[in-house]
Amino acid sequence: MEGILKTVKRRAKDDATAPSDSLPVVDVHYEGTLAENGEVFDTTHEDNSVFSFEIGEGTVIKAWDIAVKTMKVGEVATMTCKPEYAYGAAGSPPEIPPCATLIFEVELVSCRPRKGLSVESVSEEKARLEELKKQREIAAAAKEEDKRKREEAKAAAAARVQAKLEAKKGKGKKAK
């Protein structure tokens, strides 16, 4: 095992939301135990609360930033975290001794945007970007169509010039 082992206990639905750049704030239920003796050192289950954090900001142990990012809402996973992916040589006294391997059972409850970005503004931004993409595709198609029409017009003009030249050559031959 490297620094963390994640085992899925309950899979999320296929279409469940996952953390992303636009939904980096997560809410989790969890229970943390010490691997050496199974002692619970922290849990959100006693008061049925959720713990919230933003993925990738370094506000939680390294193992959580890595593993929770791979989860989907509704998933429950067990994460076994080596000390270097948890609290390291220092531990987190008095609950977590130095060099402790930790086991967490984590349920991803929800993903949401950072403060200042509402879900509506995120979905509006996605819709705006989709609309811009469509407009670019339409403009590119129109440009391609114009180019094709110009090439057809050039070919038709060249054919008319060629036909006139052929006609003049033909008249010239008849006159002799």
Protein backbone atom coordinates (compact mmCIF):
# COMPACT_ATOMS: atom_id res chain seq x y z
CA MET A 1 0.00 0.00 0.00
CA GLU A 2 1.25 3.49 -0.84
CA GLY A 3 -0.07 6.22 1.44
CA ILE A 4 -3.79 5.57 1.20
CA LEU A 5 -6.08 2.69 0.40
CA LYS A 6 -9.70 3.48 -0.48
CA THR A 7 -12.26 0.69 -0.45
CA VAL A 8 -15.79 1.45 -1.67
CA LYS A 9 -18.41 0.11 0.74
CA ARG A 10 -21.46 1.58 -1.02
CA ARG A 11 -21.35 2.75 -4.62
CA ALA A 12 -23.01 5.99 -5.68
CA LYS A 13 -25.53 6.07 -8.51
CA ASP A 14 -23.84 6.31 -11.93
CA ASP A 15 -25.20 9.82 -12.52
CA ALA A 16 -24.26 11.09 -9.03
CA THR A 17 -22.37 14.37 -8.73
CA ALA A 18 -18.65 14.31 -8.05
CA PRO A 19 -16.39 17.06 -6.75
CA SER A 20 -15.02 19.25 -9.55
CA ASP A 21 -13.44 22.65 -10.17
CA SER A 22 -16.92 24.19 -10.16
CA LEU A 23 -18.11 22.13 -7.16
CA PRO A 24 -15.03 21.92 -4.90
CA VAL A 25 -16.73 22.29 -1.49
CA VAL A 26 -17.80 18.94 -0.06
CA ASP A 27 -19.88 17.84 2.92
CA VAL A 28 -19.01 14.48 4.48
CA HIS A 29 -20.12 12.22 7.32
CA TYR A 30 -17.23 10.29 8.75
CA GLU A 31 -15.86 8.22 11.57
CA GLY A 32 -12.13 8.03 12.25
CA THR A 33 -10.48 5.19 14.12
CA LEU A 34 -6.92 4.30 15.04
CA ALA A 35 -5.72 1.29 13.03
CA GLU A 36 -3.70 -0.09 15.95
CA ASN A 37 -6.64 -0.53 18.36
CA GLY A 38 -9.89 0.44 16.53
CA GLU A 39 -10.50 3.31 18.95
CA VAL A 40 -12.80 6.01 17.53
CA PHE A 41 -11.07 9.39 17.80
CA ASP A 42 -13.55 11.54 15.84
CA THR A 43 -17.00 11.18 14.26
CA THR A 44 -19.87 13.21 12.83
CA HIS A 45 -22.35 10.41 13.53
CA GLU A 46 -22.90 11.23 17.23
CA ASP A 47 -24.47 14.62 16.49
CA ASN A 48 -25.49 13.80 12.89
CA SER A 49 -23.48 16.76 11.63
CA VAL A 50 -21.49 17.09 8.42
CA PHE A 51 -17.93 18.23 8.00
CA SER A 52 -17.32 20.68 5.12
CA PHE A 53 -14.09 21.49 3.35
CA GLU A 54 -12.79 22.61 -0.02
CA ILE A 55 -10.86 19.95 -1.90
CA GLY A 56 -7.27 20.78 -2.78
CA GLU A 57 -6.86 23.65 -0.32
CA GLY A 58 -4.77 21.69 2.21
CA THR A 59 -7.28 22.25 5.02
CA VAL A 60 -7.60 18.51 5.68
CA ILE A 61 -5.15 15.62 5.76
CA LYS A 62 -3.55 14.76 2.43
CA ALA A 63 -5.41 11.43 2.22
CA TRP A 64 -8.78 13.20 2.27
CA ASP A 65 -7.84 15.70 -0.45
CA ILE A 66 -6.82 12.75 -2.63
CA ALA A 67 -9.54 10.19 -1.86
CA VAL A 68 -12.66 12.36 -1.47
CA LYS A 69 -11.95 13.91 -4.88
CA THR A 70 -12.51 10.41 -6.39
CA MET A 71 -15.91 9.93 -4.73
CA LYS A 72 -19.46 10.65 -5.88
CA VAL A 73 -22.37 11.86 -3.74
CA GLY A 74 -23.90 8.90 -1.93
CA GLU A 75 -20.71 6.83 -1.96
CA VAL A 76 -19.41 5.39 1.30
CA ALA A 77 -15.74 4.38 1.43
CA THR A 78 -13.21 3.17 3.94
CA MET A 79 -9.87 4.99 3.74
CA THR A 80 -6.80 3.55 5.39
CA CYS A 81 -4.27 6.37 5.69
CA LYS A 82 -0.55 5.88 6.40
CA PRO A 83 0.93 8.50 8.77
CA GLU A 84 2.55 10.55 5.98
CA TYR A 85 -0.92 11.01 4.43
CA ALA A 86 -2.48 11.78 7.82
CA TYR A 87 -0.84 13.53 10.81
CA GLY A 88 2.70 12.22 10.30
CA ALA A 89 5.36 11.87 12.97
CA ALA A 90 3.76 14.59 15.12
CA GLY A 91 0.32 13.00 15.35
CA SER A 92 -2.48 15.16 16.73
CA PRO A 93 -2.32 14.78 20.51
CA PRO A 94 -4.06 13.73 22.60
CA GLU A 95 -6.36 11.74 20.27
CA ILE A 96 -3.90 10.71 17.55
CA PRO A 97 -0.48 9.40 18.56
CA PRO A 98 2.67 10.05 16.49
CA CYS A 99 3.09 7.94 13.33
CA ALA A 100 -0.49 6.63 13.51
CA THR A 101 -2.22 4.84 10.64
CA LEU A 102 -5.84 6.02 10.55
CA ILE A 103 -8.98 4.41 9.19
CA PHE A 104 -11.90 6.58 8.14
CA GLU A 105 -15.33 5.57 6.97
CA VAL A 106 -16.45 8.51 4.84
CA GLU A 107 -19.77 9.23 3.12
CA LEU A 108 -19.83 12.02 0.54
CA VAL A 109 -23.09 13.87 1.29
CA SER A 110 -22.89 16.76 -1.19
CA CYS A 111 -20.70 18.89 -3.47
CA ARG A 112 -21.25 22.59 -3.97
CA PRO A 113 -19.61 25.72 -5.36
CA ARG A 114 -17.34 28.03 -3.35
CA LYS A 115 -19.01 30.83 -1.44
CA GLY A 116 -19.86 33.63 -3.83
CA LEU A 117 -20.78 31.19 -6.57
CA SER A 118 -24.28 29.83 -6.33
CA VAL A 119 -25.28 26.62 -8.05
CA GLU A 120 -27.39 28.81 -10.32
CA SER A 121 -24.41 30.94 -11.31
CA VAL A 122 -22.34 27.81 -11.98
CA SER A 123 -25.08 26.30 -14.14
CA GLU A 124 -25.61 29.69 -15.83
CA GLU A 125 -21.86 29.84 -16.54
CA LYS A 126 -21.95 26.31 -17.99
CA ALA A 127 -24.95 27.28 -20.14
CA ARG A 128 -23.18 30.46 -21.26
CA LEU A 129 -20.06 28.50 -22.23
CA GLU A 130 -22.19 25.93 -24.09
CA GLU A 131 -23.95 28.76 -25.96
CA LEU A 132 -20.59 30.33 -26.87
CA LYS A 133 -19.39 26.95 -28.13
CA LYS A 134 -22.54 26.56 -30.26
CA GLN A 135 -22.12 30.09 -31.63
CA ARG A 136 -18.47 29.35 -32.52
CA GLU A 137 -19.53 26.13 -34.26
CA ILE A 138 -22.27 27.96 -36.19
CA ALA A 139 -19.84 30.74 -37.18
CA ALA A 140 -17.25 28.16 -38.30
CA ALA A 141 -19.89 26.31 -40.34
CA ALA A 142 -21.07 29.59 -41.93
CA LYS A 143 -17.46 30.53 -42.75
CA GLU A 144 -16.91 27.11 -44.31
CA GLU A 145 -20.12 27.47 -46.34
CA ASP A 146 -19.05 30.95 -47.56
CA LYS A 147 -15.66 29.54 -48.57
CA ARG A 148 -17.36 26.70 -50.46
CA LYS A 149 -19.67 29.17 -52.26
CA ARG A 150 -16.71 31.41 -53.22
CA GLU A 151 -14.84 28.39 -54.58
CA GLU A 152 -17.94 27.32 -56.56
CA ALA A 153 -18.36 30.87 -57.90
CA LYS A 154 -14.67 30.98 -58.94
CA ALA A 155 -15.01 27.60 -60.64
CA ALA A 156 -18.18 28.73 -62.44
CA ALA A 157 -16.51 31.99 -63.56
CA ALA A 158 -13.46 30.08 -64.76
CA ALA A 159 -15.74 27.68 -66.66
CA ARG A 160 -17.54 30.62 -68.33
CA VAL A 161 -14.22 32.22 -69.32
CA GLN A 162 -13.03 28.86 -70.65
CA ALA A 163 -16.28 28.42 -72.57
CA LYS A 164 -15.93 31.90 -74.14
CA LEU A 165 -12.32 31.15 -75.12
CA GLU A 166 -13.41 27.85 -76.66
CA ALA A 167 -16.24 29.62 -78.49
CA LYS A 168 -13.84 32.26 -79.88
CA LYS A 169 -11.44 29.54 -81.01
CA GLY A 170 -14.33 27.76 -82.65
CA LYS A 171 -15.49 30.92 -84.49
CA GLY A 172 -11.97 31.65 -85.57
CA LYS A 173 -11.62 28.18 -87.12
CA LYS A 174 -14.97 28.47 -88.93
CA ALA A 175 -14.02 31.82 -90.47
CA LYS A 176 -11.02 30.35 -92.27
